[in-house]
Amino acid sequence: MARSRLIIPALSVVLGAAFIGDLNATEPPKLAIDTVTLSIPESLTGKPGDSAKGKQVVLNRKQGNCLDCHAMPIPEQQFHGNIGPPLNGVGSRYDEGQLRLRVVSMKLVNPNTIMPTFYGTQGFHRVAENFQGKTILSAEQLEDVVAYLRTLK
């Protein structure tokens, strides 16, 4: 099967996704989505993330807040969620690009997911005025989370 790749300026609308981009950039980034593996193979920042910072984003209730829905191999934290799948071993199940796509917008993989789009700004309903036009995570934070998830083998 031939591998196809979509280059989409700001990911305007693909598989039901809305605008995704860094609001501080002068132009929204172009995200290359591999439509065979459902991944974003290129870093959003052009450099690898920091896994230690990523763990902090994952735990932060105002940023990633992953423990709210997922069980994770972080025994020092209490009250892991069970809405989403456990993230133990996620770094073995998915490559970096597949993890990146899932954190950017899991809705590209599963349109019925309740997981939020962490790097999108449009296509949402009833967004509080002070959050309109803002992503949940910056491109750097997103890359840090991907780096941390890669360590969960």
Protein backbone atom coordinates (compact mmCIF):
# COMPACT_ATOMS: atom_id res chain seq x y z
CA MET A 1 0.00 0.00 0.00
CA ALA A 2 1.35 3.42 -0.90
CA ARG A 3 1.89 5.77 2.01
CA SER A 4 0.08 9.05 1.64
CA ARG A 5 0.87 12.28 3.39
CA LEU A 6 -1.32 15.31 3.80
CA ILE A 7 0.31 18.70 4.23
CA ILE A 8 -2.32 20.94 5.69
CA PRO A 9 -1.80 24.61 6.49
CA ALA A 10 -2.95 24.97 10.09
CA LEU A 11 -4.89 21.70 9.80
CA SER A 12 -8.00 23.66 8.79
CA VAL A 13 -10.35 20.71 8.42
CA VAL A 14 -9.19 17.13 8.13
CA LEU A 15 -11.14 14.16 9.36
CA GLY A 16 -13.36 16.57 11.30
CA ALA A 17 -10.55 18.48 13.06
CA ALA A 18 -10.52 22.22 13.51
CA PHE A 19 -7.75 24.82 13.23
CA ILE A 20 -4.60 23.76 14.99
CA GLY A 21 -1.72 26.14 15.32
CA ASP A 22 0.57 28.15 17.56
CA LEU A 23 -1.13 31.46 18.29
CA ASN A 24 2.18 33.21 18.87
CA ALA A 25 3.51 32.34 15.42
CA THR A 26 3.22 34.85 12.61
CA GLU A 27 1.85 32.08 10.38
CA PRO A 28 0.18 28.89 11.56
CA PRO A 29 2.44 25.87 11.17
CA LYS A 30 1.91 23.36 8.43
CA LEU A 31 1.36 19.93 9.94
CA ALA A 32 2.17 16.90 7.84
CA ILE A 33 -0.23 14.10 8.70
CA ASP A 34 0.67 10.61 7.52
CA THR A 35 -2.76 9.25 6.61
CA VAL A 36 -1.63 5.62 6.67
CA THR A 37 -0.19 5.54 10.18
CA LEU A 38 -2.30 8.43 11.46
CA SER A 39 0.64 10.38 12.78
CA ILE A 40 2.25 13.80 12.80
CA PRO A 41 5.85 12.69 12.18
CA GLU A 42 7.50 16.13 12.49
CA SER A 43 7.99 17.97 15.77
CA LEU A 44 5.79 21.05 16.13
CA THR A 45 8.79 23.01 17.42
CA GLY A 46 11.51 21.49 15.24
CA LYS A 47 13.25 20.03 18.29
CA PRO A 48 12.63 17.17 20.72
CA GLY A 49 10.69 17.75 23.91
CA ASP A 50 11.93 17.42 27.49
CA SER A 51 10.42 14.37 29.21
CA ALA A 52 10.88 15.79 32.75
CA LYS A 53 8.92 18.91 31.78
CA GLY A 54 6.39 16.68 30.03
CA LYS A 55 5.72 14.76 33.23
CA GLN A 56 4.99 18.05 34.99
CA VAL A 57 2.53 19.06 32.24
CA VAL A 58 0.86 15.64 32.45
CA LEU A 59 0.34 16.09 36.21
CA ASN A 60 -0.70 19.77 36.12
CA ARG A 61 -4.46 20.11 36.56
CA LYS A 62 -4.52 23.33 34.49
CA GLN A 63 -2.52 21.88 31.61
CA GLY A 64 -2.47 18.18 30.66
CA ASN A 65 -4.30 16.75 33.66
CA CYS A 66 -3.88 13.27 32.18
CA LEU A 67 -4.41 11.52 35.54
CA ASP A 68 -7.99 12.74 35.57
CA CYS A 69 -8.86 10.16 32.88
CA HIS A 70 -5.88 7.76 32.63
CA ALA A 71 -4.07 5.41 34.99
CA MET A 72 -0.34 6.00 34.70
CA PRO A 73 2.83 4.48 36.15
CA ILE A 74 3.14 7.33 38.67
CA PRO A 75 2.55 5.59 42.03
CA GLU A 76 3.37 8.73 44.04
CA GLN A 77 0.16 10.30 42.70
CA GLN A 78 -3.25 9.22 44.00
CA PHE A 79 -6.58 8.96 42.25
CA HIS A 80 -5.82 7.86 38.71
CA GLY A 81 -8.73 7.96 36.28
CA ASN A 82 -10.26 5.02 34.47
CA ILE A 83 -12.23 6.77 31.71
CA GLY A 84 -9.42 6.53 29.14
CA PRO A 85 -7.08 3.60 28.58
CA PRO A 86 -4.13 3.15 30.96
CA LEU A 87 -0.99 4.86 29.65
CA ASN A 88 1.39 2.18 30.97
CA GLY A 89 3.36 0.99 27.94
CA VAL A 90 1.98 3.67 25.58
CA GLY A 91 5.55 4.45 24.47
CA SER A 92 5.86 0.88 23.18
CA ARG A 93 2.47 0.80 21.45
CA TYR A 94 2.81 4.04 19.47
CA ASP A 95 5.67 5.82 17.80
CA GLU A 96 6.44 9.49 18.39
CA GLY A 97 4.32 10.74 15.49
CA GLN A 98 1.31 8.65 16.51
CA LEU A 99 1.55 9.95 20.07
CA ARG A 100 1.89 13.52 18.79
CA LEU A 101 -1.29 13.23 16.71
CA ARG A 102 -3.22 11.78 19.65
CA VAL A 103 -2.17 14.63 21.96
CA VAL A 104 -2.76 17.29 19.29
CA SER A 105 -6.29 15.98 18.67
CA MET A 106 -7.47 12.47 19.47
CA LYS A 107 -10.60 13.37 17.48
CA LEU A 108 -8.57 12.72 14.31
CA VAL A 109 -8.31 9.07 15.40
CA ASN A 110 -11.68 8.73 17.11
CA PRO A 111 -14.23 11.48 16.43
CA ASN A 112 -16.34 10.24 19.38
CA THR A 113 -13.60 10.58 21.99
CA ILE A 114 -14.08 12.80 25.01
CA MET A 115 -10.34 13.53 25.16
CA PRO A 116 -9.83 17.26 24.59
CA THR A 117 -7.95 18.70 21.64
CA PHE A 118 -4.81 20.06 23.30
CA TYR A 119 -3.52 22.00 20.29
CA GLY A 120 -6.51 23.45 18.52
CA THR A 121 -8.36 26.77 18.60
CA GLN A 122 -11.47 26.52 16.44
CA GLY A 123 -14.47 24.28 15.95
CA PHE A 124 -15.39 24.22 19.64
CA HIS A 125 -18.71 25.20 21.19
CA ARG A 126 -19.37 27.46 24.18
CA VAL A 127 -15.75 28.41 24.84
CA ALA A 128 -15.32 31.00 27.60
CA GLU A 129 -14.27 34.33 26.14
CA ASN A 130 -10.90 34.38 27.93
CA PHE A 131 -10.01 31.00 26.36
CA GLN A 132 -11.13 31.71 22.79
CA GLY A 133 -8.31 31.47 20.26
CA LYS A 134 -5.96 29.78 22.75
CA THR A 135 -4.61 26.24 22.75
CA ILE A 136 -4.61 24.20 25.96
CA LEU A 137 -0.93 23.38 25.48
CA SER A 138 1.76 25.32 23.64
CA ALA A 139 3.73 23.54 20.92
CA GLU A 140 6.67 23.21 23.33
CA GLN A 141 4.50 21.75 26.10
CA LEU A 142 2.96 19.32 23.62
CA GLU A 143 6.41 18.13 22.52
CA ASP A 144 7.40 17.74 26.19
CA VAL A 145 4.32 15.55 26.81
CA VAL A 146 5.15 13.43 23.75
CA ALA A 147 8.73 13.00 25.05
CA TYR A 148 7.37 11.89 28.43
CA LEU A 149 4.86 9.47 26.91
CA ARG A 150 7.71 7.92 24.87
CA THR A 151 9.39 6.95 28.18
CA LEU A 152 6.37 4.88 29.26
CA LYS A 153 7.58 1.55 27.87
